[in-house]
Amino acid sequence: MKRRDFLKKSLMAFGGAALGGCSNVNGGLKLANNSNSATVGRKLPNIIYILADDLGFADLGCYGQKLVKTPNLDKMAAEGMKFTSHYAGSTVCAPSRCVLMTGLHTGHCYIRGNATLPLRDSDVTVAELCKKSGYATGCFGKWGLGEAGTTGHPNNQGFDLFYGYLNQSNAHHYYPNYIYRDGQREYLNGEHYTHDMFASEAVRFIKDNKDKPFFLYLPFTIPHAELVLPEDKIIDEYQELGWPETPYGSATSHYGYQETPKAAFAAMVTRLDRDCGKILDLLKELKIDDNTLVIFTSDNGPHQEGGAAPTFFDSNGIYRGIKRDLYEGGVREPMIAWWPGKIKPGSETDHISAFEDFMPTVAEMIGQKIPENIDGVSYLPTILGKGTQVQKDYVYWEFFEGGGKQAIRQGKWKGVRLNMSTVVDPPVQLYDLDADPGETNNIASSNSTKAEELRELMKQAHVKSPNFQFAVDKQ
């Protein structure tokens, strides 16, 4: 029986009393008093969640990028709210997406690494929660949480429509032989650029569902390697800048050949920006923008595969680390929330939030009770500027590549442990993010009490998994 069967019924439909905020109790969640909640209106709102792939914290102009043009996302931030302390669910794609869909951090969720494990039938997703409130649901892009014929296929996890890559490895390539439409392969024979197809599917889905509530999950594959895109004026303009380029790869290498990888990366981000702008313009054209929450973010920090050059673009800004690191540069992401008439234009928040918070935020918006056993806290009060925003005690990550890693953020404090795969109880690196956002000065020796507190919290947050194990799990 799916865990969704145990979810309690809606508090009440929109038009009744406002839904309560949520509070963290013993690692779970419960609904707070209705008097603290933010009323979002009578009509069920549409929800669009746009997820970039391997976009760094500082890869957008509104987050400090100087070389890559992102005018539409910059405008989205100017019209909405910019989060400065938002975190991905993990430092690679599959577990990050698992956290997003289930509201469970990587110490509790089922898929904790880039494996071919599917979500289980017992896992409850955001899409399933939306279906309980009558939403149309669509996912176009990279799924990574279950292959065809498994319990993890998106059609088995609450999505009416799916078009894209089921497997994250296949999603490395933008001109594949095939992708999936629901449960069937659609053969493309390497002739179509999939990002453009996903953008077109998104436009069609919005038009088809403009008169009823919908949840659109748009996990684009840009700007993940391979660095390739159609020849057009977007890449031409970057190539004309004359950046120092080192050609990458060959026709037979995994990520192919790219003569100008820096220009290609920049053009891919600008292409992503262009299509995000088209979606926002469509919502305005259809006159449903004031009833649609749009969120834009990325699944993990910047990569250096396929000729990518995060140092050249300063993709992680002031933060240490990139993809596969649990330092800030590997997990801290840009996030923009846009909802005309509901979100104050040009607003900014340093509220500490993470992927697991999306599910309770959606639940509060659509009139569903927040599942009591998840790790997230709704950030709806923050984006609406109403009600009391509950602060979560900590954000937690674990990762099983590169020797095994564990990290936690509690307020200004950040704890990191390395070599978890071979050492039962490695020491904690401790950083004060207020004084040292770049995590350059390990102050564990002079703050041993706090380091010990974070070590204990990390131990508590990690629940043993049969598929992903640290050295301590093998004792």
Protein backbone atom coordinates (compact mmCIF):
# COMPACT_ATOMS: atom_id res chain seq x y z
CA MET A 1 0.00 0.00 0.00
CA LYS A 2 1.40 3.39 -0.92
CA ARG A 3 2.22 5.67 1.98
CA ARG A 4 -0.10 8.23 0.39
CA ASP A 5 -2.97 6.07 1.63
CA PHE A 6 -1.98 7.06 5.13
CA LEU A 7 -1.98 10.77 4.42
CA LYS A 8 -4.81 12.44 6.22
CA LYS A 9 -7.56 14.23 4.33
CA SER A 10 -7.36 17.87 3.38
CA LEU A 11 -7.79 20.40 6.15
CA MET A 12 -10.41 22.06 3.95
CA ALA A 13 -10.76 23.27 0.40
CA PHE A 14 -9.59 26.71 -0.61
CA GLY A 15 -12.25 29.22 0.26
CA GLY A 16 -12.44 27.95 3.82
CA ALA A 17 -10.08 28.80 6.66
CA ALA A 18 -6.43 29.29 5.87
CA LEU A 19 -4.09 26.36 6.15
CA GLY A 20 -1.69 26.25 9.05
CA GLY A 21 2.04 26.63 8.94
CA CYS A 22 4.19 23.68 9.90
CA SER A 23 6.65 23.04 12.66
CA ASN A 24 9.42 20.53 13.13
CA VAL A 25 8.77 18.11 15.98
CA ASN A 26 11.11 15.21 16.72
CA GLY A 27 12.33 15.08 13.16
CA GLY A 28 8.81 15.09 11.70
CA LEU A 29 6.21 17.72 10.94
CA LYS A 30 2.84 18.62 12.31
CA LEU A 31 0.41 21.37 11.42
CA ALA A 32 0.58 24.52 13.47
CA ASN A 33 -2.41 26.56 14.55
CA ASN A 34 -4.38 28.08 11.71
CA SER A 35 -3.95 31.54 13.21
CA ASN A 36 -0.29 31.53 12.14
CA SER A 37 -0.93 30.64 8.53
CA ALA A 38 -0.81 32.60 5.29
CA THR A 39 -3.99 32.73 3.25
CA VAL A 40 -3.29 32.25 -0.46
CA GLY A 41 -6.77 32.80 -1.88
CA ARG A 42 -9.82 30.89 -2.93
CA LYS A 43 -8.78 29.34 -6.24
CA LEU A 44 -6.27 26.51 -6.32
CA PRO A 45 -3.01 27.95 -7.67
CA ASN A 46 -0.98 26.51 -10.52
CA ILE A 47 2.56 25.43 -9.68
CA ILE A 48 5.53 25.36 -12.06
CA TYR A 49 8.89 24.10 -10.83
CA ILE A 50 11.79 24.65 -13.25
CA LEU A 51 14.96 22.74 -12.40
CA ALA A 52 18.22 23.45 -14.20
CA ASP A 53 20.92 20.76 -14.29
CA ASP A 54 24.32 21.59 -12.75
CA LEU A 55 23.79 25.36 -12.73
CA GLY A 56 25.98 27.05 -10.13
CA PHE A 57 24.93 29.59 -7.52
CA ALA A 58 26.53 32.46 -9.46
CA ASP A 59 25.65 31.40 -13.02
CA LEU A 60 22.80 33.93 -13.27
CA GLY A 61 23.20 37.67 -13.64
CA CYS A 62 20.95 38.34 -10.65
CA TYR A 63 23.31 36.23 -8.54
CA GLY A 64 26.49 37.94 -9.73
CA GLN A 65 27.29 36.36 -13.11
CA LYS A 66 29.26 38.77 -15.33
CA LEU A 67 29.84 36.82 -18.54
CA VAL A 68 26.61 34.94 -19.29
CA LYS A 69 23.43 36.78 -20.28
CA THR A 70 20.29 35.77 -18.35
CA PRO A 71 17.89 38.71 -18.86
CA ASN A 72 14.67 36.76 -18.36
CA LEU A 73 15.67 35.11 -15.10
CA ASP A 74 17.07 38.43 -13.90
CA LYS A 75 13.67 39.97 -14.68
CA MET A 76 11.97 37.08 -12.89
CA ALA A 77 14.02 37.90 -9.79
CA ALA A 78 13.18 41.60 -10.13
CA GLU A 79 9.49 40.72 -10.27
CA GLY A 80 9.68 38.06 -7.56
CA MET A 81 11.78 36.87 -4.65
CA LYS A 82 15.42 35.81 -4.66
CA PHE A 83 16.56 33.23 -2.11
CA THR A 84 20.21 33.50 -1.03
CA SER A 85 20.38 30.50 1.34
CA HIS A 86 18.61 27.80 -0.65
CA TYR A 87 20.03 24.29 -0.92
CA ALA A 88 19.74 21.39 -3.32
CA GLY A 89 18.82 18.00 -1.95
CA SER A 90 22.20 16.55 -2.87
CA THR A 91 25.33 17.28 -4.83
CA VAL A 92 24.39 15.05 -7.81
CA CYS A 93 21.17 14.68 -9.72
CA ALA A 94 19.26 11.51 -8.73
CA PRO A 95 19.31 11.92 -4.93
CA SER A 96 18.67 15.65 -5.27
CA ARG A 97 15.53 14.89 -7.27
CA CYS A 98 14.49 12.22 -4.80
CA VAL A 99 14.66 14.75 -1.96
CA LEU A 100 12.65 17.24 -4.03
CA MET A 101 9.89 14.79 -4.87
CA THR A 102 9.57 13.08 -1.46
CA GLY A 103 10.39 15.78 1.11
CA LEU A 104 12.95 13.48 2.75
CA HIS A 105 16.62 14.50 3.05
CA THR A 106 19.38 12.11 2.00
CA GLY A 107 19.65 10.60 5.46
CA HIS A 108 16.10 9.28 5.10
CA CYS A 109 15.19 9.06 1.41
CA TYR A 110 15.50 5.87 -0.63
CA ILE A 111 17.68 7.07 -3.55
CA ARG A 112 20.85 8.58 -2.07
CA GLY A 113 23.18 8.34 -5.06
CA ASN A 114 23.24 8.15 -8.86
CA ALA A 115 22.04 4.56 -9.00
CA THR A 116 19.34 2.92 -11.11
CA LEU A 117 17.11 2.37 -8.08
CA PRO A 118 13.47 3.32 -8.62
CA LEU A 119 11.26 5.11 -6.16
CA ARG A 120 9.20 2.54 -4.30
CA ASP A 121 5.45 2.20 -4.39
CA SER A 122 5.47 3.30 -0.75
CA ASP A 123 7.17 6.61 -1.59
CA VAL A 124 4.83 9.58 -1.83
CA THR A 125 5.69 12.37 -4.26
CA VAL A 126 4.66 16.00 -4.63
CA ALA A 127 2.79 15.02 -7.80
CA GLU A 128 0.70 12.47 -5.90
CA LEU A 129 -0.15 15.10 -3.32
CA CYS A 130 -1.29 17.40 -6.14
CA LYS A 131 -3.43 14.65 -7.67
CA LYS A 132 -5.31 14.38 -4.38
CA SER A 133 -6.45 17.97 -4.92
CA GLY A 134 -7.45 17.35 -8.54
CA TYR A 135 -4.40 18.78 -10.31
CA ALA A 136 -3.28 17.94 -13.83
CA THR A 137 0.38 16.93 -13.58
CA GLY A 138 3.16 16.87 -16.14
CA CYS A 139 6.91 16.24 -16.11
CA PHE A 140 9.11 17.09 -19.11
CA GLY A 141 12.88 16.63 -18.95
CA LYS A 142 15.15 14.42 -16.83
CA TRP A 143 13.47 12.17 -14.26
CA GLY A 144 16.22 9.84 -12.93
CA LEU A 145 14.05 8.09 -10.32
CA GLY A 146 12.83 4.98 -12.10
CA GLU A 147 13.05 3.18 -15.42
CA ALA A 148 10.23 1.95 -17.66
CA GLY A 149 8.18 -0.79 -16.03
CA THR A 150 9.26 0.05 -12.47
CA THR A 151 7.44 1.51 -9.51
CA GLY A 152 9.57 4.62 -9.93
CA HIS A 153 8.31 5.55 -13.40
CA PRO A 154 6.79 9.06 -13.27
CA ASN A 155 3.40 7.76 -14.43
CA ASN A 156 3.45 5.54 -11.33
CA GLN A 157 4.43 8.46 -9.09
CA GLY A 158 1.61 10.90 -9.74
CA PHE A 159 2.38 12.36 -13.18
CA ASP A 160 -0.34 12.20 -15.83
CA LEU A 161 2.16 12.99 -18.57
CA PHE A 162 5.88 12.40 -18.93
CA TYR A 163 8.20 13.21 -21.80
CA GLY A 164 11.95 12.92 -21.43
CA TYR A 165 14.81 10.88 -20.06
CA LEU A 166 14.16 8.23 -17.45
CA ASN A 167 17.86 7.55 -16.93
CA GLN A 168 20.30 10.26 -15.86
CA SER A 169 23.13 8.76 -17.94
CA ASN A 170 21.11 8.95 -21.15
CA ALA A 171 20.36 12.56 -20.28
CA HIS A 172 24.03 13.45 -20.82
CA HIS A 173 23.24 13.75 -24.52
CA TYR A 174 21.03 16.33 -26.22
CA TYR A 175 20.63 14.51 -29.55
CA PRO A 176 19.74 11.00 -28.34
CA ASN A 177 18.38 8.08 -30.35
CA TYR A 178 15.26 8.02 -28.20
CA ILE A 179 13.51 9.42 -25.15
CA TYR A 180 10.30 8.32 -23.46
CA ARG A 181 6.76 9.53 -23.86
CA ASP A 182 5.08 8.07 -20.81
CA GLY A 183 6.01 4.36 -20.92
CA GLN A 184 7.00 4.14 -24.59
CA ARG A 185 10.19 4.98 -26.38
CA GLU A 186 9.95 7.74 -28.94
CA TYR A 187 12.76 7.40 -31.46
CA LEU A 188 14.50 10.63 -32.46
CA ASN A 189 17.49 9.11 -34.27
CA GLY A 190 19.81 11.83 -33.05
CA GLU A 191 18.01 14.49 -35.09
CA HIS A 192 16.30 16.60 -32.42
CA TYR A 193 17.62 18.81 -29.63
CA THR A 194 15.72 17.58 -26.61
CA HIS A 195 15.82 20.77 -24.55
CA ASP A 196 13.81 22.58 -27.22
CA MET A 197 11.32 19.70 -27.27
CA PHE A 198 10.82 19.85 -23.51
CA ALA A 199 10.21 23.59 -23.70
CA SER A 200 7.59 23.02 -26.42
CA GLU A 201 5.89 20.30 -24.36
CA ALA A 202 5.75 22.66 -21.39
CA VAL A 203 4.06 25.35 -23.48
CA ARG A 204 1.51 22.84 -24.79
CA PHE A 205 0.79 21.53 -21.29
CA ILE A 206 0.16 25.02 -19.93
CA LYS A 207 -2.19 25.90 -22.79
CA ASP A 208 -4.07 22.60 -22.46
CA ASN A 209 -4.58 23.07 -18.71
CA LYS A 210 -5.02 26.83 -18.42
CA ASP A 211 -8.59 26.48 -17.14
CA LYS A 212 -7.83 24.02 -14.33
CA PRO A 213 -5.15 23.71 -11.66
CA PHE A 214 -1.90 22.15 -12.85
CA PHE A 215 1.51 21.16 -11.51
CA LEU A 216 4.25 21.36 -14.12
CA TYR A 217 7.63 19.91 -13.16
CA LEU A 218 10.22 20.98 -15.73
CA PRO A 219 13.61 19.37 -14.98
CA PHE A 220 15.61 20.73 -17.92
CA THR A 221 18.97 19.10 -18.71
CA ILE A 222 20.79 22.36 -19.49
CA PRO A 223 23.64 23.16 -18.80
CA HIS A 224 24.86 19.66 -17.93
CA ALA A 225 27.46 18.08 -20.21
CA GLU A 226 27.63 17.43 -23.11
CA LEU A 227 28.13 21.06 -24.09
CA VAL A 228 26.25 21.20 -27.36
CA LEU A 229 23.34 23.10 -28.86
CA PRO A 230 21.96 24.05 -32.28
CA GLU A 231 23.97 26.52 -34.29
CA ASP A 232 22.17 29.85 -34.01
CA LYS A 233 22.84 33.44 -33.09
CA ILE A 234 22.93 32.65 -29.37
CA ILE A 235 26.18 30.68 -29.63
CA ASP A 236 27.45 32.87 -32.48
CA GLU A 237 27.36 35.91 -30.22
CA TYR A 238 29.42 34.18 -27.53
CA GLN A 239 31.94 32.77 -30.01
CA GLU A 240 32.47 36.27 -31.37
CA LEU A 241 33.66 37.44 -27.93
CA GLY A 242 36.96 35.63 -28.49
CA TRP A 243 37.24 33.94 -25.10
CA PRO A 244 40.32 31.73 -24.63
CA GLU A 245 39.11 28.27 -25.62
CA THR A 246 40.54 24.78 -25.32
CA PRO A 247 38.69 22.35 -27.60
CA TYR A 248 37.27 19.39 -25.73
CA GLY A 249 37.01 15.69 -26.58
CA SER A 250 36.54 13.91 -29.87
CA ALA A 251 33.75 12.49 -31.98
CA THR A 252 34.01 9.20 -30.07
CA SER A 253 34.35 10.51 -26.50
CA HIS A 254 31.43 10.27 -24.10
CA TYR A 255 30.66 13.97 -24.24
CA GLY A 256 31.59 14.33 -27.91
CA TYR A 257 33.67 17.14 -29.37
CA GLN A 258 33.24 20.83 -28.69
CA GLU A 259 35.59 23.35 -30.26
CA THR A 260 34.43 26.26 -28.09
CA PRO A 261 33.19 24.77 -24.78
CA LYS A 262 33.08 28.09 -22.91
CA ALA A 263 30.90 29.70 -25.57
CA ALA A 264 28.73 26.58 -25.71
CA PHE A 265 28.17 26.58 -21.95
CA ALA A 266 27.24 30.26 -21.93
CA ALA A 267 24.91 29.81 -24.90
CA MET A 268 23.18 26.88 -23.21
CA VAL A 269 22.48 28.94 -20.09
CA THR A 270 21.17 31.79 -22.22
CA ARG A 271 18.97 29.33 -24.13
CA LEU A 272 17.61 28.07 -20.82
CA ASP A 273 16.95 31.68 -19.82
CA ARG A 274 15.16 32.34 -23.11
CA ASP A 275 12.75 29.45 -22.59
CA CYS A 276 12.04 30.39 -18.98
CA GLY A 277 11.11 33.83 -20.29
CA LYS A 278 8.74 32.28 -22.85
CA ILE A 279 6.93 30.41 -20.08
CA LEU A 280 6.48 33.52 -17.94
CA ASP A 281 5.28 35.49 -20.98
CA LEU A 282 2.79 32.73 -21.80
CA LEU A 283 1.34 32.85 -18.30
CA LYS A 284 0.81 36.59 -18.67
CA GLU A 285 -0.71 36.14 -22.13
CA LEU A 286 -3.17 33.56 -20.79
CA LYS A 287 -3.93 35.82 -17.81
CA ILE A 288 -3.10 33.10 -15.30
CA ASP A 289 0.16 34.58 -14.03
CA ASP A 290 -1.49 35.95 -10.90
CA ASN A 291 -2.62 32.43 -10.00
CA THR A 292 0.64 30.64 -10.75
CA LEU A 293 3.67 30.14 -8.53
CA VAL A 294 6.83 29.61 -10.57
CA ILE A 295 10.04 28.45 -8.92
CA PHE A 296 13.41 28.29 -10.65
CA THR A 297 16.47 26.58 -9.16
CA SER A 298 19.15 23.95 -9.92
CA ASP A 299 19.79 20.39 -8.77
CA ASN A 300 23.40 20.80 -7.57
CA GLY A 301 26.53 22.87 -7.99
CA PRO A 302 28.43 23.53 -11.22
CA HIS A 303 30.21 20.72 -13.06
CA GLN A 304 33.55 20.60 -14.87
CA GLU A 305 32.71 17.78 -17.25
CA GLY A 306 32.69 17.95 -21.03
CA GLY A 307 34.98 20.97 -21.13
CA ALA A 308 32.98 23.09 -18.67
CA ALA A 309 34.99 25.79 -16.91
CA PRO A 310 33.36 26.84 -13.61
CA THR A 311 36.44 28.79 -12.58
CA PHE A 312 36.36 30.89 -15.75
CA PHE A 313 32.71 31.80 -15.15
CA ASP A 314 33.10 31.99 -11.37
CA SER A 315 30.08 29.71 -11.27
CA ASN A 316 30.16 29.09 -7.52
CA GLY A 317 30.84 32.71 -6.61
CA ILE A 318 32.34 33.07 -3.14
CA TYR A 319 31.57 29.47 -2.21
CA ARG A 320 33.96 26.56 -1.98
CA GLY A 321 33.44 23.43 -4.04
CA ILE A 322 31.50 22.24 -7.07
CA LYS A 323 29.33 19.26 -7.99
CA ARG A 324 30.13 16.20 -5.80
CA ASP A 325 31.29 18.40 -2.92
CA LEU A 326 29.24 19.01 0.20
CA TYR A 327 30.87 22.37 0.75
CA GLU A 328 28.60 25.30 -0.09
CA GLY A 329 29.51 25.45 -3.78
CA GLY A 330 28.26 21.91 -4.29
CA VAL A 331 24.83 22.36 -2.74
CA ARG A 332 23.91 26.06 -2.39
CA GLU A 333 21.77 27.08 -5.36
CA PRO A 334 20.03 30.09 -6.82
CA MET A 335 16.27 30.01 -6.27
CA ILE A 336 13.73 32.49 -7.59
CA ALA A 337 10.05 32.45 -6.63
CA TRP A 338 7.65 34.37 -8.90
CA TRP A 339 3.95 34.94 -8.30
CA PRO A 340 2.60 38.31 -9.49
CA GLY A 341 0.31 39.94 -6.99
CA LYS A 342 1.35 37.53 -4.23
CA ILE A 343 5.14 37.91 -3.97
CA LYS A 344 6.61 41.35 -3.40
CA PRO A 345 8.64 42.38 -6.48
CA GLY A 346 12.38 42.67 -5.98
CA SER A 347 12.29 40.98 -2.58
CA GLU A 348 15.13 38.89 -1.21
CA THR A 349 15.39 36.44 1.66
CA ASP A 350 18.19 34.67 3.51
CA HIS A 351 15.71 32.15 4.95
CA ILE A 352 17.51 28.80 5.04
CA SER A 353 15.56 26.41 2.83
CA ALA A 354 16.17 23.22 0.88
CA PHE A 355 14.59 20.85 -1.63
CA GLU A 356 12.77 18.89 1.06
CA ASP A 357 10.79 22.04 1.85
CA PHE A 358 9.01 22.04 -1.52
CA MET A 359 6.55 19.29 -0.59
CA PRO A 360 5.22 20.95 2.57
CA THR A 361 5.07 24.28 0.74
CA VAL A 362 2.90 22.73 -1.97
CA ALA A 363 0.77 20.89 0.60
CA GLU A 364 0.04 24.13 2.39
CA MET A 365 -0.84 25.86 -0.89
CA ILE A 366 -3.27 23.25 -2.17
CA GLY A 367 -5.10 22.23 0.98
CA GLN A 368 -3.39 18.93 1.75
CA LYS A 369 -2.09 17.98 5.15
CA ILE A 370 1.69 17.88 5.29
CA PRO A 371 2.92 14.30 5.71
CA GLU A 372 4.11 13.98 9.30
CA ASN A 373 7.23 11.92 8.56
CA ILE A 374 9.02 14.23 6.10
CA ASP A 375 11.97 16.53 6.79
CA GLY A 376 10.82 19.73 5.14
CA VAL A 377 9.27 22.94 6.43
CA SER A 378 6.95 25.06 4.27
CA TYR A 379 8.44 28.34 3.06
CA LEU A 380 5.04 29.68 1.97
CA PRO A 381 5.00 32.33 4.73
CA THR A 382 8.33 33.64 3.43
CA ILE A 383 7.32 33.95 -0.21
CA LEU A 384 3.95 35.51 0.63
CA GLY A 385 5.28 37.71 3.41
CA LYS A 386 2.42 36.58 5.66
CA GLY A 387 2.17 34.43 8.73
CA THR A 388 4.93 32.99 10.87
CA GLN A 389 7.86 31.34 9.12
CA VAL A 390 9.06 28.28 11.01
CA GLN A 391 12.84 27.85 10.95
CA LYS A 392 14.06 24.31 10.51
CA ASP A 393 16.66 23.10 12.98
CA TYR A 394 19.15 22.04 10.32
CA VAL A 395 19.76 21.04 6.70
CA TYR A 396 21.51 17.70 6.21
CA TRP A 397 23.27 15.87 3.35
CA GLU A 398 25.14 12.62 2.89
CA PHE A 399 26.96 11.45 -0.24
CA PHE A 400 28.61 8.16 -1.08
CA GLU A 401 31.15 9.01 -3.77
CA GLY A 402 34.63 10.44 -3.26
CA GLY A 403 35.28 8.52 -0.06
CA GLY A 404 31.89 9.22 1.51
CA LYS A 405 30.81 12.60 2.86
CA GLN A 406 28.42 14.05 5.39
CA ALA A 407 27.44 17.67 6.00
CA ILE A 408 25.01 19.72 8.05
CA ARG A 409 24.07 23.38 8.36
CA GLN A 410 22.52 24.70 11.56
CA GLY A 411 22.08 28.47 11.52
CA LYS A 412 25.47 30.00 10.81
CA TRP A 413 27.30 26.76 11.56
CA LYS A 414 28.37 24.26 8.89
CA GLY A 415 29.80 20.85 9.70
CA VAL A 416 31.50 18.57 7.15
CA ARG A 417 32.88 15.05 7.56
CA LEU A 418 34.96 13.25 4.92
CA ASN A 419 36.19 9.67 4.43
CA MET A 420 32.93 8.25 5.76
CA SER A 421 33.30 5.15 3.58
CA THR A 422 36.50 4.02 5.28
CA VAL A 423 36.53 5.70 8.70
CA VAL A 424 33.87 4.87 11.28
CA ASP A 425 33.89 8.21 13.07
CA PRO A 426 35.90 10.86 11.17
CA PRO A 427 36.40 14.32 12.68
CA VAL A 428 34.08 17.24 12.00
CA GLN A 429 35.27 20.25 10.04
CA LEU A 430 33.48 23.29 11.45
CA TYR A 431 32.85 26.57 9.66
CA ASP A 432 31.13 29.81 10.66
CA LEU A 433 29.29 30.78 7.45
CA ASP A 434 28.58 34.30 8.67
CA ALA A 435 32.27 35.06 9.13
CA ASP A 436 33.62 32.61 6.57
CA PRO A 437 31.11 31.83 3.78
CA GLY A 438 33.90 30.37 1.66
CA GLU A 439 34.63 27.69 4.28
CA THR A 440 38.34 28.41 4.34
CA ASN A 441 38.95 28.28 8.10
CA ASN A 442 38.16 25.06 9.98
CA ILE A 443 37.49 26.23 13.55
CA ALA A 444 36.55 22.86 15.07
CA SER A 445 39.53 22.84 17.45
CA SER A 446 38.52 26.15 19.02
CA ASN A 447 34.79 25.31 19.06
CA SER A 448 34.85 21.68 20.10
CA THR A 449 31.48 21.77 21.84
CA LYS A 450 29.68 22.96 18.69
CA ALA A 451 31.60 20.50 16.54
CA GLU A 452 30.47 17.68 18.83
CA GLU A 453 26.86 18.89 18.71
CA LEU A 454 26.89 18.78 14.90
CA ARG A 455 28.55 15.36 14.92
CA GLU A 456 25.71 14.02 17.06
CA LEU A 457 23.08 15.61 14.82
CA MET A 458 24.69 14.04 11.75
CA LYS A 459 24.64 10.66 13.43
CA GLN A 460 20.94 11.08 14.25
CA ALA A 461 20.05 12.29 10.73
CA HIS A 462 21.60 9.25 9.06
CA VAL A 463 19.32 6.21 8.91
CA LYS A 464 21.05 3.09 7.65
CA SER A 465 20.28 2.15 4.05
CA PRO A 466 20.78 -1.29 2.46
CA ASN A 467 21.95 0.35 -0.77
CA PHE A 468 24.16 3.22 0.46
CA GLN A 469 26.48 2.55 3.38
CA PHE A 470 29.19 4.33 5.32
CA ALA A 471 31.86 2.48 7.26
CA VAL A 472 29.82 2.78 10.47
CA ASP A 473 26.94 0.90 8.80
CA LYS A 474 29.14 -2.12 8.11
CA GLN A 475 30.16 -2.75 11.70
